[in-house]
Protein backbone atom coordinates (compact mmCIF):
# COMPACT_ATOMS: atom_id res chain seq x y z
CA MET A 1 -0.01 0.06 0.14
CA ASN A 2 1.17 3.83 -0.73
CA ILE A 3 2.68 5.55 2.09
CA LYS A 4 0.10 8.52 1.30
CA TYR A 5 -2.52 5.95 1.76
CA SER A 6 -1.02 4.30 4.80
CA ARG A 7 -0.75 7.28 6.31
CA THR A 8 -4.66 8.66 5.89
CA LEU A 9 -5.84 5.26 6.75
CA ILE A 10 -4.12 5.23 9.91
CA ILE A 11 -5.19 9.14 10.53
CA PHE A 12 -8.79 8.17 9.67
CA ILE A 13 -8.69 5.19 11.81
CA THR A 14 -7.43 7.04 14.80
CA ALA A 15 -9.85 9.90 14.57
CA PHE A 16 -12.78 7.35 14.12
CA LEU A 17 -11.87 5.61 16.99
CA TYR A 18 -11.72 8.83 19.00
CA SER A 19 -14.98 10.05 17.59
CA VAL A 20 -16.63 6.39 18.75
CA ILE A 21 -15.20 6.39 22.65
CA ARG A 22 -16.02 10.17 22.62
CA TYR A 23 -19.66 9.92 21.51
CA ASN A 24 -20.76 6.83 21.45
CA ILE A 25 -18.87 5.06 24.28
CA VAL A 26 -18.37 7.52 26.74
CA GLY A 27 -21.12 9.84 25.72
CA PRO A 28 -24.77 9.89 24.86
CA VAL A 29 -24.83 9.60 21.24
CA PRO A 30 -26.92 6.00 20.06
CA ILE A 31 -24.55 3.34 18.44
CA ALA A 32 -26.95 3.72 15.52
CA GLU A 33 -25.58 7.66 14.51
CA ILE A 34 -22.23 6.03 13.58
CA PRO A 35 -22.80 5.66 9.85
CA LEU A 36 -23.34 9.14 9.44
CA PHE A 37 -23.11 11.47 12.41
CA ILE A 38 -19.95 9.85 14.20
CA MET A 39 -18.25 9.16 10.69
CA ASN A 40 -18.36 12.83 9.50
CA LYS A 41 -17.03 13.97 13.02
CA ALA A 42 -13.86 11.30 12.26
CA ILE A 43 -13.86 12.90 8.69
CA SER A 44 -13.65 16.62 9.61
CA PHE A 45 -11.17 15.55 12.50
CA SER A 46 -9.07 13.38 9.61
CA MET A 47 -8.97 16.28 7.32
CA VAL A 48 -7.51 18.53 9.59
CA ILE A 49 -4.78 16.16 10.41
CA ILE A 50 -4.03 15.65 7.06
CA PHE A 51 -4.20 19.30 6.34
CA ALA A 52 -1.43 19.54 8.86
CA PHE A 53 0.54 17.01 6.81
CA SER A 54 0.09 18.76 3.85
CA ALA A 55 1.42 22.30 5.50
CA ARG A 56 4.40 19.97 6.47
CA SER A 57 4.95 18.95 2.97
CA TYR A 58 4.30 22.62 1.86
CA PHE A 59 7.24 24.20 4.38
CA LYS A 60 9.33 21.83 3.27
CA SER A 61 9.10 22.65 -0.61
CA ALA A 62 7.75 18.80 -0.85
CA ILE A 63 5.04 20.01 -3.81
CA GLN A 64 4.35 16.29 -4.92
CA GLU A 65 3.64 15.25 -1.57
CA PHE A 66 1.62 18.26 -1.13
CA ILE A 67 -0.97 18.06 -4.08
CA ASN A 68 -1.24 14.36 -3.19
CA SER A 69 -2.68 15.27 0.32
CA MET A 70 -4.39 18.09 -1.47
CA SER A 71 -5.95 15.34 -3.48
CA ILE A 72 -6.92 13.42 -0.56
CA LEU A 73 -8.39 16.43 1.19
CA LYS A 74 -10.79 17.47 -1.91
CA GLY A 75 -12.44 13.75 -1.52
CA PHE A 76 -12.81 14.47 2.52
CA ALA A 77 -14.14 17.52 1.82
CA LEU A 78 -16.89 16.63 -0.72
CA ILE A 79 -17.77 13.69 1.58
CA HIS A 80 -17.87 16.17 4.70
CA ILE A 81 -20.26 18.58 2.86
CA LEU A 82 -22.66 16.21 1.71
CA ILE A 83 -22.97 14.39 5.32
CA SER A 84 -23.09 17.95 6.94
CA ILE A 85 -25.79 19.21 4.49
CA SER A 86 -27.80 15.93 5.17
CA LEU A 87 -27.35 16.09 9.10
CA LEU A 88 -27.80 20.20 9.13
CA SER A 89 -31.29 20.35 11.89
CA GLN A 90 -31.88 21.40 15.26
CA GLN A 91 -31.83 17.85 16.15
CA TYR A 92 -27.83 17.57 15.48
CA TYR A 93 -26.65 20.85 15.70
CA PRO A 94 -29.12 22.61 18.15
CA LYS A 95 -26.53 25.57 18.96
CA PHE A 96 -26.55 26.32 15.07
CA PHE A 97 -30.07 27.17 15.78
CA THR A 98 -32.31 30.11 17.57
CA ASN A 99 -36.09 30.05 16.99
CA ASP A 100 -35.77 27.28 13.89
CA LYS A 101 -33.43 29.76 12.30
CA LEU A 102 -30.03 29.52 12.21
CA SER A 103 -28.20 31.55 14.75
CA LEU A 104 -25.43 34.11 13.96
CA PHE A 105 -22.93 31.28 15.39
CA GLY A 106 -24.52 28.86 13.27
CA ASN A 107 -24.33 30.95 9.94
CA LEU A 108 -20.64 32.36 10.37
CA THR A 109 -19.76 28.17 11.02
CA ILE A 110 -21.37 27.53 7.52
CA PHE A 111 -20.14 30.50 5.84
CA PHE A 112 -16.30 29.99 6.99
CA GLY A 113 -16.65 26.29 6.09
CA ILE A 114 -17.78 27.18 2.83
CA ILE A 115 -14.85 29.22 2.01
CA SER A 116 -12.35 26.55 3.32
CA VAL A 117 -13.77 23.78 1.09
CA VAL A 118 -14.18 26.60 -2.07
CA TYR A 119 -10.26 26.63 -1.32
CA ILE A 120 -9.62 23.20 -1.18
CA LEU A 121 -11.68 22.30 -4.29
CA ASN A 122 -10.59 25.34 -6.43
CA LYS A 123 -6.93 25.19 -7.63
CA SER A 124 -7.49 28.81 -9.43
CA ILE A 125 -8.25 30.69 -6.06
CA LYS A 126 -4.85 32.14 -4.97
CA ILE A 127 -4.98 33.37 -1.44
CA LYS A 128 -2.52 33.56 0.95
CA ASN A 129 -1.76 29.79 2.59
CA TRP A 130 -2.37 31.63 6.10
CA LEU A 131 -5.75 32.93 5.45
CA PHE A 132 -6.94 29.49 4.21
CA PHE A 133 -5.89 28.21 7.75
CA LEU A 134 -7.34 31.63 8.95
CA MET A 135 -10.89 30.54 7.89
CA ILE A 136 -10.52 26.77 8.87
CA THR A 137 -9.90 28.34 12.36
CA PHE A 138 -12.99 30.79 12.17
CA HIS A 139 -14.90 27.97 10.99
CA LEU A 140 -14.10 25.88 14.13
CA PHE A 141 -14.14 28.88 16.39
CA PHE A 142 -17.55 29.42 15.77
CA MET A 143 -18.79 25.59 15.50
CA GLY A 144 -17.35 24.91 18.99
CA ILE A 145 -16.69 27.75 21.28
CA LYS A 146 -19.92 27.44 23.56
CA GLY A 147 -18.88 23.76 24.03
CA TRP A 148 -15.02 24.06 24.84
CA LEU A 149 -15.51 26.15 27.82
CA SER A 150 -17.62 23.70 29.64
CA VAL A 151 -15.18 21.46 30.29
CA ASP A 152 -17.40 19.37 33.18
CA LYS A 153 -19.86 18.19 29.99
CA TRP A 154 -16.93 16.99 27.93
CA HIS A 155 -17.93 13.49 27.44
CA GLY A 156 -15.12 11.50 29.55
CA MET A 157 -13.24 14.58 30.04
CA MET A 158 -12.37 14.11 26.11
CA PRO A 159 -11.43 17.26 24.74
CA PRO A 160 -14.17 17.82 21.61
CA ILE A 161 -12.62 17.42 18.45
CA SER A 162 -13.58 20.81 17.24
CA LEU A 163 -11.09 22.15 20.01
CA ILE A 164 -8.52 19.87 18.98
CA SER A 165 -8.59 20.53 15.68
CA PHE A 166 -8.75 24.18 16.20
CA ILE A 167 -5.69 24.34 18.10
CA ILE A 168 -4.04 22.33 15.37
CA SER A 169 -5.13 24.98 12.61
CA THR A 170 -3.83 27.93 15.05
CA SER A 171 -0.93 26.42 15.52
CA LEU A 172 -0.44 25.83 11.65
CA ILE A 173 -1.11 29.66 10.98
CA PHE A 174 1.56 30.45 13.40
CA ILE A 175 4.26 27.94 11.92
CA TYR A 176 3.45 29.57 8.56
CA LEU A 177 3.81 33.06 9.48
CA PHE A 178 7.31 32.28 11.70
CA LYS A 179 8.55 30.12 8.88
CA LYS A 180 7.34 33.17 6.46
CA GLU A 181 9.19 35.70 8.72
CA LEU A 182 12.31 33.30 8.41
CA ASP A 183 12.57 32.77 5.16
CA GLU A 184 12.53 36.72 4.33
CA LYS A 185 15.28 37.29 6.76
CA HIS A 186 17.41 34.90 4.94
């Protein structure tokens, strides 16, 4: 098996196991939700981790590895979008709604998610990479901030996937900007 696919499979299995343990085993989500709700969490978590690896390739100027990672991300992004759209309701995402309409945080989560995915899917869009990381970070922030602050409500005291992903994407912004500053000095 190709190393690119082996790494992706390991990342996905790890993200899937974390999701099942956090939401199904120690959390209240029924096992019946694994095919879509839990799978979507594992896919989105995998995307952030894969993007971190692709950023590492980009920083090392390993362009072919970066392109390969981006092609994997495109597939994951499409699946994430389709599942998210099919689940978008007050039943699954109550914090995104107020009085049967999307709340401000629900709208901002979707808005920044769409911008992030458009970047992944469209090679002709030329924005600074750190701005892309920022869009992902905003998507994660508006999605999860309310749950992050209630540590006592974390299932099994396991951090929410959105918080872990937020920390990774925020770290990528700082790494990118720090590397850029170092490159400009040399």
